[in-house]
Amino acid sequence: RIKRTHRRMASVAEGLDSRSPATELHALRIRAKHLR
């Protein structure tokens, strides 16, 4: 579960940076919350 949740979060983070749209950053926030 830890590996899968981290992998999913990392895949959402891939290609994002500080200039990414807020909606995409919010999707990353949700995945990070799941991992936590």
Full PDB file with SEQRES, HELIX, SHEET, SSBOND, CRYST1, ORIGX, SCALE, CONECT and MASTER records, all heavy atoms in Angstrom:
SEQRES   1 A   36  ARG ILE LYS ARG THR HIS ARG ARG MET ALA SER VAL ALA          
SEQRES   2 A   36  GLU GLY LEU ASP SER ARG SER PRO ALA THR GLU LEU HIS          
SEQRES   3 A   36  ALA LEU ARG ILE ARG ALA LYS HIS LEU ARG                      
HELIX    1 AA1 ILE A    2  ALA A   13  1                                  12    
HELIX    2 AA2 ALA A   22  LEU A   35  1                                  14    
CRYST1    1.000    1.000    1.000  90.00  90.00  90.00 P 1           1          
ORIGX1      1.000000  0.000000  0.000000        0.00000                         
ORIGX2      0.000000  1.000000  0.000000        0.00000                         
ORIGX3      0.000000  0.000000  1.000000        0.00000                         
SCALE1      1.000000  0.000000  0.000000        0.00000                         
SCALE2      0.000000  1.000000  0.000000        0.00000                         
SCALE3      0.000000  0.000000  1.000000        0.00000                         
ATOM      1  N   ARG A   1       0.835  -1.200   0.000  1.00  0.00           N  
ATOM      2  CA  ARG A   1       0.000   0.000   0.000  1.00  0.00           C  
ATOM      3  C   ARG A   1       0.876   1.259   0.000  1.00  0.00           C  
ATOM      4  O   ARG A   1       0.602   2.220  -0.715  1.00  0.00           O  
ATOM      5  CB  ARG A   1      -0.921  -0.021   1.224  1.00  0.00           C  
ATOM      6  CG  ARG A   1      -1.714   1.219   1.503  1.00  0.00           C  
ATOM      7  CD  ARG A   1      -3.010   1.400   0.734  1.00  0.00           C  
ATOM      8  NE  ARG A   1      -3.769   0.237   0.466  1.00  0.00           N  
ATOM      9  CZ  ARG A   1      -4.918  -0.096   1.054  1.00  0.00           C  
ATOM     10  NH1 ARG A   1      -5.399   0.655   2.003  1.00  0.00           N  
ATOM     11  NH2 ARG A   1      -5.570  -1.169   0.689  1.00  0.00           N  
ATOM     12  N   ILE A   2       1.928   1.263   0.792  1.00  0.00           N  
ATOM     13  CA  ILE A   2       2.825   2.419   0.838  1.00  0.00           C  
ATOM     14  C   ILE A   2       3.480   2.621  -0.523  1.00  0.00           C  
ATOM     15  O   ILE A   2       3.503   3.738  -1.048  1.00  0.00           O  
ATOM     16  CB  ILE A   2       3.896   2.243   1.936  1.00  0.00           C  
ATOM     17  CG1 ILE A   2       3.250   2.299   3.314  1.00  0.00           C  
ATOM     18  CG2 ILE A   2       4.977   3.321   1.814  1.00  0.00           C  
ATOM     19  CD1 ILE A   2       4.169   1.890   4.443  1.00  0.00           C  
ATOM     20  N   LYS A   3       3.988   1.552  -1.101  1.00  0.00           N  
ATOM     21  CA  LYS A   3       4.645   1.659  -2.409  1.00  0.00           C  
ATOM     22  C   LYS A   3       3.671   2.170  -3.467  1.00  0.00           C  
ATOM     23  O   LYS A   3       4.002   3.068  -4.249  1.00  0.00           O  
ATOM     24  CB  LYS A   3       5.201   0.297  -2.838  1.00  0.00           C  
ATOM     25  CG  LYS A   3       6.417  -0.146  -2.067  1.00  0.00           C  
ATOM     26  CD  LYS A   3       6.834  -1.534  -2.512  1.00  0.00           C  
ATOM     27  CE  LYS A   3       7.946  -2.096  -1.660  1.00  0.00           C  
ATOM     28  NZ  LYS A   3       8.286  -3.475  -2.036  1.00  0.00           N  
ATOM     29  N   ARG A   4       2.485   1.586  -3.493  1.00  0.00           N  
ATOM     30  CA  ARG A   4       1.502   1.973  -4.511  1.00  0.00           C  
ATOM     31  C   ARG A   4       1.064   3.430  -4.332  1.00  0.00           C  
ATOM     32  O   ARG A   4       0.983   4.190  -5.297  1.00  0.00           O  
ATOM     33  CB  ARG A   4       0.296   1.036  -4.449  1.00  0.00           C  
ATOM     34  CG  ARG A   4      -0.749   1.350  -5.523  1.00  0.00           C  
ATOM     35  CD  ARG A   4      -1.918   0.387  -5.524  1.00  0.00           C  
ATOM     36  NE  ARG A   4      -2.615   0.443  -4.253  1.00  0.00           N  
ATOM     37  CZ  ARG A   4      -2.914  -0.618  -3.501  1.00  0.00           C  
ATOM     38  NH1 ARG A   4      -2.588  -1.822  -3.897  1.00  0.00           N  
ATOM     39  NH2 ARG A   4      -3.561  -0.483  -2.371  1.00  0.00           N  
ATOM     40  N   THR A   5       0.815   3.822  -3.087  1.00  0.00           N  
ATOM     41  CA  THR A   5       0.362   5.188  -2.825  1.00  0.00           C  
ATOM     42  C   THR A   5       1.454   6.191  -3.170  1.00  0.00           C  
ATOM     43  O   THR A   5       1.184   7.250  -3.744  1.00  0.00           O  
ATOM     44  CB  THR A   5      -0.074   5.325  -1.353  1.00  0.00           C  
ATOM     45  OG1 THR A   5      -1.039   4.301  -1.059  1.00  0.00           O  
ATOM     46  CG2 THR A   5      -0.705   6.670  -1.096  1.00  0.00           C  
ATOM     47  N   HIS A   6       2.705   5.847  -2.851  1.00  0.00           N  
ATOM     48  CA  HIS A   6       3.814   6.736  -3.205  1.00  0.00           C  
ATOM     49  C   HIS A   6       3.977   6.821  -4.722  1.00  0.00           C  
ATOM     50  O   HIS A   6       4.175   7.903  -5.275  1.00  0.00           O  
ATOM     51  CB  HIS A   6       5.129   6.284  -2.556  1.00  0.00           C  
ATOM     52  CG  HIS A   6       6.252   7.211  -2.864  1.00  0.00           C  
ATOM     53  ND1 HIS A   6       7.142   6.979  -3.890  1.00  0.00           N  
ATOM     54  CD2 HIS A   6       6.599   8.398  -2.311  1.00  0.00           C  
ATOM     55  CE1 HIS A   6       7.995   7.975  -3.938  1.00  0.00           C  
ATOM     56  NE2 HIS A   6       7.700   8.842  -3.000  1.00  0.00           N  
ATOM     57  N   ARG A   7       3.875   5.687  -5.381  1.00  0.00           N  
ATOM     58  CA  ARG A   7       4.021   5.669  -6.840  1.00  0.00           C  
ATOM     59  C   ARG A   7       2.937   6.530  -7.491  1.00  0.00           C  
ATOM     60  O   ARG A   7       3.201   7.289  -8.428  1.00  0.00           O  
ATOM     61  CB  ARG A   7       3.962   4.224  -7.341  1.00  0.00           C  
ATOM     62  CG  ARG A   7       4.303   4.067  -8.804  1.00  0.00           C  
ATOM     63  CD  ARG A   7       4.405   2.601  -9.244  1.00  0.00           C  
ATOM     64  NE  ARG A   7       3.271   1.792  -8.834  1.00  0.00           N  
ATOM     65  CZ  ARG A   7       3.303   0.826  -7.897  1.00  0.00           C  
ATOM     66  NH1 ARG A   7       4.422   0.563  -7.261  1.00  0.00           N  
ATOM     67  NH2 ARG A   7       2.223   0.143  -7.595  1.00  0.00           N  
ATOM     68  N   ARG A   8       1.705   6.425  -7.001  1.00  0.00           N  
ATOM     69  CA  ARG A   8       0.611   7.226  -7.563  1.00  0.00           C  
ATOM     70  C   ARG A   8       0.850   8.717  -7.336  1.00  0.00           C  
ATOM     71  O   ARG A   8       0.604   9.541  -8.219  1.00  0.00           O  
ATOM     72  CB  ARG A   8      -0.723   6.818  -6.936  1.00  0.00           C  
ATOM     73  CG  ARG A   8      -1.226   5.494  -7.450  1.00  0.00           C  
ATOM     74  CD  ARG A   8      -2.503   5.100  -6.775  1.00  0.00           C  
ATOM     75  NE  ARG A   8      -3.007   3.836  -7.316  1.00  0.00           N  
ATOM     76  CZ  ARG A   8      -3.984   3.146  -6.785  1.00  0.00           C  
ATOM     77  NH1 ARG A   8      -4.582   3.571  -5.688  1.00  0.00           N  
ATOM     78  NH2 ARG A   8      -4.376   2.014  -7.338  1.00  0.00           N  
ATOM     79  N   MET A   9       1.311   9.072  -6.130  1.00  0.00           N  
ATOM     80  CA  MET A   9       1.590  10.470  -5.849  1.00  0.00           C  
ATOM     81  C   MET A   9       2.720  10.976  -6.750  1.00  0.00           C  
ATOM     82  O   MET A   9       2.633  12.058  -7.314  1.00  0.00           O  
ATOM     83  CB  MET A   9       1.962  10.652  -4.376  1.00  0.00           C  
ATOM     84  CG  MET A   9       2.087  12.113  -3.981  1.00  0.00           C  
ATOM     85  SD  MET A   9       3.380  12.450  -2.801  1.00  0.00           S  
ATOM     86  CE  MET A   9       4.799  11.680  -3.481  1.00  0.00           C  
ATOM     87  N   ALA A  10       3.773  10.171  -6.883  1.00  0.00           N  
ATOM     88  CA  ALA A  10       4.915  10.565  -7.714  1.00  0.00           C  
ATOM     89  C   ALA A  10       4.498  10.722  -9.176  1.00  0.00           C  
ATOM     90  O   ALA A  10       4.991  11.614  -9.870  1.00  0.00           O  
ATOM     91  CB  ALA A  10       6.046   9.559  -7.572  1.00  0.00           C  
ATOM     92  N   SER A  11       3.577   9.885  -9.641  1.00  0.00           N  
ATOM     93  CA  SER A  11       3.150   9.997 -11.039  1.00  0.00           C  
ATOM     94  C   SER A  11       2.340  11.277 -11.259  1.00  0.00           C  
ATOM     95  O   SER A  11       2.422  11.894 -12.315  1.00  0.00           O  
ATOM     96  CB  SER A  11       2.366   8.767 -11.485  1.00  0.00           C  
ATOM     97  OG  SER A  11       1.070   8.765 -10.943  1.00  0.00           O  
ATOM     98  N   VAL A  12       1.582  11.695 -10.259  1.00  0.00           N  
ATOM     99  CA  VAL A  12       0.854  12.960 -10.371  1.00  0.00           C  
ATOM    100  C   VAL A  12       1.841  14.129 -10.347  1.00  0.00           C  
ATOM    101  O   VAL A  12       1.686  15.104 -11.074  1.00  0.00           O  
ATOM    102  CB  VAL A  12      -0.199  13.101  -9.236  1.00  0.00           C  
ATOM    103  CG1 VAL A  12      -0.786  14.494  -9.194  1.00  0.00           C  
ATOM    104  CG2 VAL A  12      -1.302  12.070  -9.417  1.00  0.00           C  
ATOM    105  N   ALA A  13       2.893  14.008  -9.529  1.00  0.00           N  
ATOM    106  CA  ALA A  13       3.897  15.076  -9.411  1.00  0.00           C  
ATOM    107  C   ALA A  13       4.747  15.210 -10.670  1.00  0.00           C  
ATOM    108  O   ALA A  13       5.258  16.291 -10.962  1.00  0.00           O  
ATOM    109  CB  ALA A  13       4.804  14.814  -8.211  1.00  0.00           C  
ATOM    110  N   GLU A  14       4.867  14.120 -11.419  1.00  0.00           N  
ATOM    111  CA  GLU A  14       5.718  14.131 -12.614  1.00  0.00           C  
ATOM    112  C   GLU A  14       5.242  15.187 -13.603  1.00  0.00           C  
ATOM    113  O   GLU A  14       4.079  15.241 -13.969  1.00  0.00           O  
ATOM    114  CB  GLU A  14       5.701  12.759 -13.275  1.00  0.00           C  
ATOM    115  CG  GLU A  14       6.753  12.580 -14.328  1.00  0.00           C  
ATOM    116  CD  GLU A  14       6.786  11.141 -14.824  1.00  0.00           C  
ATOM    117  OE1 GLU A  14       6.750  10.230 -13.985  1.00  0.00           O  
ATOM    118  OE2 GLU A  14       6.825  10.966 -16.048  1.00  0.00           O  
ATOM    119  N   GLY A  15       6.143  16.048 -13.992  1.00  0.00           N  
ATOM    120  CA  GLY A  15       5.821  17.089 -14.967  1.00  0.00           C  
ATOM    121  C   GLY A  15       5.278  18.363 -14.338  1.00  0.00           C  
ATOM    122  O   GLY A  15       5.116  19.364 -15.026  1.00  0.00           O  
ATOM    123  N   LEU A  16       4.978  18.343 -13.041  1.00  0.00           N  
ATOM    124  CA  LEU A  16       4.495  19.549 -12.381  1.00  0.00           C  
ATOM    125  C   LEU A  16       5.677  20.372 -11.891  1.00  0.00           C  
ATOM    126  O   LEU A  16       6.730  19.828 -11.581  1.00  0.00           O  
ATOM    127  CB  LEU A  16       3.600  19.205 -11.189  1.00  0.00           C  
ATOM    128  CG  LEU A  16       2.287  18.498 -11.472  1.00  0.00           C  
ATOM    129  CD1 LEU A  16       1.512  18.288 -10.181  1.00  0.00           C  
ATOM    130  CD2 LEU A  16       1.446  19.256 -12.468  1.00  0.00           C  
ATOM    131  N   ASP A  17       5.471  21.658 -11.823  1.00  0.00           N  
ATOM    132  CA  ASP A  17       6.465  22.538 -11.212  1.00  0.00           C  
ATOM    133  C   ASP A  17       5.730  23.719 -10.592  1.00  0.00           C  
ATOM    134  O   ASP A  17       4.498  23.732 -10.543  1.00  0.00           O  
ATOM    135  CB  ASP A  17       7.535  22.974 -12.213  1.00  0.00           C  
ATOM    136  CG  ASP A  17       6.996  23.780 -13.379  1.00  0.00           C  
ATOM    137  OD1 ASP A  17       5.900  24.372 -13.248  1.00  0.00           O  
ATOM    138  OD2 ASP A  17       7.666  23.838 -14.412  1.00  0.00           O  
ATOM    139  N   SER A  18       6.470  24.686 -10.147  1.00  0.00           N  
ATOM    140  CA  SER A  18       5.869  25.815  -9.437  1.00  0.00           C  
ATOM    141  C   SER A  18       4.959  26.672 -10.319  1.00  0.00           C  
ATOM    142  O   SER A  18       4.191  27.482  -9.810  1.00  0.00           O  
ATOM    143  CB  SER A  18       6.959  26.688  -8.815  1.00  0.00           C  
ATOM    144  OG  SER A  18       7.788  27.213  -9.822  1.00  0.00           O  
ATOM    145  N   ARG A  19       5.014  26.475 -11.630  1.00  0.00           N  
ATOM    146  CA  ARG A  19       4.165  27.242 -12.543  1.00  0.00           C  
ATOM    147  C   ARG A  19       2.921  26.474 -12.983  1.00  0.00           C  
ATOM    148  O   ARG A  19       2.125  26.983 -13.763  1.00  0.00           O  
ATOM    149  CB  ARG A  19       4.974  27.656 -13.770  1.00  0.00           C  
ATOM    150  CG  ARG A  19       6.153  28.572 -13.453  1.00  0.00           C  
ATOM    151  CD  ARG A  19       6.991  28.904 -14.677  1.00  0.00           C  
ATOM    152  NE  ARG A  19       7.358  27.751 -15.479  1.00  0.00           N  
ATOM    153  CZ  ARG A  19       8.459  27.015 -15.316  1.00  0.00           C  
ATOM    154  NH1 ARG A  19       9.311  27.320 -14.385  1.00  0.00           N  
ATOM    155  NH2 ARG A  19       8.713  25.984 -16.097  1.00  0.00           N  
ATOM    156  N   SER A  20       2.748  25.269 -12.494  1.00  0.00           N  
ATOM    157  CA  SER A  20       1.613  24.430 -12.902  1.00  0.00           C  
ATOM    158  C   SER A  20       0.293  25.030 -12.424  1.00  0.00           C  
ATOM    159  O   SER A  20       0.258  25.746 -11.422  1.00  0.00           O  
ATOM    160  CB  SER A  20       1.770  23.024 -12.330  1.00  0.00           C  
ATOM    161  OG  SER A  20       2.912  22.397 -12.872  1.00  0.00           O  
ATOM    162  N   PRO A  21      -0.789  24.718 -13.147  1.00  0.00           N  
ATOM    163  CA  PRO A  21      -2.106  25.233 -12.756  1.00  0.00           C  
ATOM    164  C   PRO A  21      -2.503  24.749 -11.357  1.00  0.00           C  
ATOM    165  O   PRO A  21      -2.150  23.642 -10.943  1.00  0.00           O  
ATOM    166  CB  PRO A  21      -3.059  24.648 -13.808  1.00  0.00           C  
ATOM    167  CG  PRO A  21      -2.190  24.253 -14.947  1.00  0.00           C  
ATOM    168  CD  PRO A  21      -0.839  23.936 -14.384  1.00  0.00           C  
ATOM    169  N   ALA A  22      -3.249  25.587 -10.661  1.00  0.00           N  
ATOM    170  CA  ALA A  22      -3.668  25.280  -9.286  1.00  0.00           C  
ATOM    171  C   ALA A  22      -4.464  23.980  -9.213  1.00  0.00           C  
ATOM    172  O   ALA A  22      -4.343  23.244  -8.230  1.00  0.00           O  
ATOM    173  CB  ALA A  22      -4.483  26.439  -8.723  1.00  0.00           C  
ATOM    174  N   THR A  23      -5.244  23.677 -10.228  1.00  0.00           N  
ATOM    175  CA  THR A  23      -6.054  22.451 -10.187  1.00  0.00           C  
ATOM    176  C   THR A  23      -5.165  21.202 -10.216  1.00  0.00           C  
ATOM    177  O   THR A  23      -5.458  20.224  -9.533  1.00  0.00           O  
ATOM    178  CB  THR A  23      -7.048  22.409 -11.365  1.00  0.00           C  
ATOM    179  OG1 THR A  23      -6.326  22.616 -12.593  1.00  0.00           O  
ATOM    180  CG2 THR A  23      -8.113  23.483 -11.219  1.00  0.00           C  
ATOM    181  N   GLU A  24      -4.085  21.252 -10.971  1.00  0.00           N  
ATOM    182  CA  GLU A  24      -3.161  20.112 -11.016  1.00  0.00           C  
ATOM    183  C   GLU A  24      -2.376  19.995  -9.711  1.00  0.00           C  
ATOM    184  O   GLU A  24      -2.117  18.893  -9.234  1.00  0.00           O  
ATOM    185  CB  GLU A  24      -2.213  20.246 -12.209  1.00  0.00           C  
ATOM    186  CG  GLU A  24      -2.928  20.092 -13.539  1.00  0.00           C  
ATOM    187  CD  GLU A  24      -2.003  20.259 -14.727  1.00  0.00           C  
ATOM    188  OE1 GLU A  24      -0.779  20.071 -14.584  1.00  0.00           O  
ATOM    189  OE2 GLU A  24      -2.519  20.584 -15.814  1.00  0.00           O  
ATOM    190  N   LEU A  25      -2.026  21.128  -9.130  1.00  0.00           N  
ATOM    191  CA  LEU A  25      -1.342  21.108  -7.845  1.00  0.00           C  
ATOM    192  C   LEU A  25      -2.271  20.571  -6.755  1.00  0.00           C  
ATOM    193  O   LEU A  25      -1.830  19.872  -5.842  1.00  0.00           O  
ATOM    194  CB  LEU A  25      -0.836  22.500  -7.480  1.00  0.00           C  
ATOM    195  CG  LEU A  25       0.257  23.067  -8.389  1.00  0.00           C  
ATOM    196  CD1 LEU A  25       0.592  24.500  -7.990  1.00  0.00           C  
ATOM    197  CD2 LEU A  25       1.495  22.189  -8.382  1.00  0.00           C  
ATOM    198  N   HIS A  26      -3.551  20.868  -6.868  1.00  0.00           N  
ATOM    199  CA  HIS A  26      -4.508  20.354  -5.885  1.00  0.00           C  
ATOM    200  C   HIS A  26      -4.626  18.827  -5.980  1.00  0.00           C  
ATOM    201  O   HIS A  26      -4.736  18.147  -4.948  1.00  0.00           O  
ATOM    202  CB  HIS A  26      -5.872  21.013  -6.067  1.00  0.00           C  
ATOM    203  CG  HIS A  26      -6.853  20.641  -5.018  1.00  0.00           C  
ATOM    204  ND1 HIS A  26      -6.661  20.926  -3.684  1.00  0.00           N  
ATOM    205  CD2 HIS A  26      -8.035  19.989  -5.091  1.00  0.00           C  
ATOM    206  CE1 HIS A  26      -7.687  20.470  -2.989  1.00  0.00           C  
ATOM    207  NE2 HIS A  26      -8.523  19.905  -3.816  1.00  0.00           N  
ATOM    208  N   ALA A  27      -4.570  18.294  -7.194  1.00  0.00           N  
ATOM    209  CA  ALA A  27      -4.601  16.827  -7.355  1.00  0.00           C  
ATOM    210  C   ALA A  27      -3.386  16.198  -6.672  1.00  0.00           C  
ATOM    211  O   ALA A  27      -3.493  15.133  -6.038  1.00  0.00           O  
ATOM    212  CB  ALA A  27      -4.644  16.464  -8.836  1.00  0.00           C  
ATOM    213  N   LEU A  28      -2.244  16.853  -6.765  1.00  0.00           N  
ATOM    214  CA  LEU A  28      -1.043  16.370  -6.079  1.00  0.00           C  
ATOM    215  C   LEU A  28      -1.231  16.441  -4.568  1.00  0.00           C  
ATOM    216  O   LEU A  28      -0.843  15.526  -3.839  1.00  0.00           O  
ATOM    217  CB  LEU A  28       0.185  17.183  -6.505  1.00  0.00           C  
ATOM    218  CG  LEU A  28       1.486  16.863  -5.772  1.00  0.00           C  
ATOM    219  CD1 LEU A  28       1.883  15.398  -5.960  1.00  0.00           C  
ATOM    220  CD2 LEU A  28       2.596  17.795  -6.243  1.00  0.00           C  
ATOM    221  N   ARG A  29      -1.841  17.500  -4.103  1.00  0.00           N  
ATOM    222  CA  ARG A  29      -2.094  17.646  -2.666  1.00  0.00           C  
ATOM    223  C   ARG A  29      -2.933  16.485  -2.136  1.00  0.00           C  
ATOM    224  O   ARG A  29      -2.666  15.940  -1.061  1.00  0.00           O  
ATOM    225  CB  ARG A  29      -2.798  18.976  -2.407  1.00  0.00           C  
ATOM    226  CG  ARG A  29      -3.093  19.236  -0.956  1.00  0.00           C  
ATOM    227  CD  ARG A  29      -3.770  20.590  -0.809  1.00  0.00           C  
ATOM    228  NE  ARG A  29      -4.101  20.844   0.578  1.00  0.00           N  
ATOM    229  CZ  ARG A  29      -5.225  21.419   0.964  1.00  0.00           C  
ATOM    230  NH1 ARG A  29      -6.118  21.807   0.078  1.00  0.00           N  
ATOM    231  NH2 ARG A  29      -5.456  21.633   2.237  1.00  0.00           N  
ATOM    232  N   ILE A  30      -3.937  16.102  -2.889  1.00  0.00           N  
ATOM    233  CA  ILE A  30      -4.801  14.994  -2.477  1.00  0.00           C  
ATOM    234  C   ILE A  30      -4.003  13.692  -2.420  1.00  0.00           C  
ATOM    235  O   ILE A  30      -4.120  12.919  -1.461  1.00  0.00           O  
ATOM    236  CB  ILE A  30      -6.014  14.877  -3.431  1.00  0.00           C  
ATOM    237  CG1 ILE A  30      -6.935  16.085  -3.229  1.00  0.00           C  
ATOM    238  CG2 ILE A  30      -6.763  13.573  -3.206  1.00  0.00           C  
ATOM    239  CD1 ILE A  30      -8.001  16.233  -4.286  1.00  0.00           C  
ATOM    240  N   ARG A  31      -3.165  13.437  -3.418  1.00  0.00           N  
ATOM    241  CA  ARG A  31      -2.335  12.225  -3.415  1.00  0.00           C  
ATOM    242  C   ARG A  31      -1.329  12.237  -2.263  1.00  0.00           C  
ATOM    243  O   ARG A  31      -1.067  11.210  -1.644  1.00  0.00           O  
ATOM    244  CB  ARG A  31      -1.606  12.061  -4.748  1.00  0.00           C  
ATOM    245  CG  ARG A  31      -2.502  11.669  -5.888  1.00  0.00           C  
ATOM    246  CD  ARG A  31      -3.075  10.312  -5.643  1.00  0.00           C  
ATOM    247  NE  ARG A  31      -3.928   9.928  -6.741  1.00  0.00           N  
ATOM    248  CZ  ARG A  31      -4.611   8.806  -6.765  1.00  0.00           C  
ATOM    249  NH1 ARG A  31      -4.532   7.961  -5.764  1.00  0.00           N  
ATOM    250  NH2 ARG A  31      -5.373   8.529  -7.782  1.00  0.00           N  
ATOM    251  N   ALA A  32      -0.766  13.398  -1.979  1.00  0.00           N  
ATOM    252  CA  ALA A  32       0.174  13.506  -0.864  1.00  0.00           C  
ATOM    253  C   ALA A  32      -0.548  13.226   0.457  1.00  0.00           C  
ATOM    254  O   ALA A  32       0.000  12.567   1.351  1.00  0.00           O  
ATOM    255  CB  ALA A  32       0.819  14.897  -0.842  1.00  0.00           C  
ATOM    256  N   LYS A  33      -1.770  13.693   0.551  1.00  0.00           N  
ATOM    257  CA  LYS A  33      -2.563  13.449   1.754  1.00  0.00           C  
ATOM    258  C   LYS A  33      -2.825  11.953   1.929  1.00  0.00           C  
ATOM    259  O   LYS A  33      -2.725  11.419   3.034  1.00  0.00           O  
ATOM    260  CB  LYS A  33      -3.888  14.214   1.653  1.00  0.00           C  
ATOM    261  CG  LYS A  33      -4.683  14.260   2.937  1.00  0.00           C  
ATOM    262  CD  LYS A  33      -5.982  15.011   2.761  1.00  0.00           C  
ATOM    263  CE  LYS A  33      -5.745  16.463   2.438  1.00  0.00           C  
ATOM    264  NZ  LYS A  33      -6.967  17.268   2.500  1.00  0.00           N  
ATOM    265  N   HIS A  34      -3.127  11.258   0.838  1.00  0.00           N  
ATOM    266  CA  HIS A  34      -3.345   9.801   0.904  1.00  0.00           C  
ATOM    267  C   HIS A  34      -2.099   9.084   1.421  1.00  0.00           C  
ATOM    268  O   HIS A  34      -2.192   8.197   2.279  1.00  0.00           O  
ATOM    269  CB  HIS A  34      -3.723   9.248  -0.468  1.00  0.00           C  
ATOM    270  CG  HIS A  34      -5.080   9.650  -0.932  1.00  0.00           C  
ATOM    271  ND1 HIS A  34      -5.572   9.303  -2.171  1.00  0.00           N  
ATOM    272  CD2 HIS A  34      -6.055  10.376  -0.344  1.00  0.00           C  
ATOM    273  CE1 HIS A  34      -6.787   9.798  -2.316  1.00  0.00           C  
ATOM    274  NE2 HIS A  34      -7.097  10.455  -1.227  1.00  0.00           N  
ATOM    275  N   LEU A  35      -0.949   9.482   0.885  1.00  0.00           N  
ATOM    276  CA  LEU A  35       0.297   8.853   1.320  1.00  0.00           C  
ATOM    277  C   LEU A  35       0.540   9.127   2.803  1.00  0.00           C  
ATOM    278  O   LEU A  35       0.933   8.237   3.551  1.00  0.00           O  
ATOM    279  CB  LEU A  35       1.480   9.349   0.481  1.00  0.00           C  
ATOM    280  CG  LEU A  35       2.857   8.811   0.881  1.00  0.00           C  
ATOM    281  CD1 LEU A  35       2.891   7.284   0.825  1.00  0.00           C  
ATOM    282  CD2 LEU A  35       3.934   9.406  -0.018  1.00  0.00           C  
ATOM    283  N   ARG A  36       0.287  10.323   3.217  1.00  0.00           N  
ATOM    284  CA  ARG A  36       0.508  10.652   4.625  1.00  0.00           C  
ATOM    285  C   ARG A  36      -0.420   9.852   5.528  1.00  0.00           C  
ATOM    286  O   ARG A  36      -0.015   9.406   6.609  1.00  0.00           O  
ATOM    287  CB  ARG A  36       0.314  12.145   4.838  1.00  0.00           C  
ATOM    288  CG  ARG A  36       0.852  12.545   6.171  1.00  0.00           C  
ATOM    289  CD  ARG A  36       1.164  14.014   6.232  1.00  0.00           C  
ATOM    290  NE  ARG A  36       0.954  14.439   7.594  1.00  0.00           N  
ATOM    291  CZ  ARG A  36       0.430  15.576   7.950  1.00  0.00           C  
ATOM    292  NH1 ARG A  36       0.087  16.454   7.031  1.00  0.00           N  
ATOM    293  NH2 ARG A  36       0.277  15.877   9.202  1.00  0.00           N  
TER     294      ARG A  36                                                      
MASTER        0    0    0    2    0    0    0    6  293    1    0    3          
END                                                                             
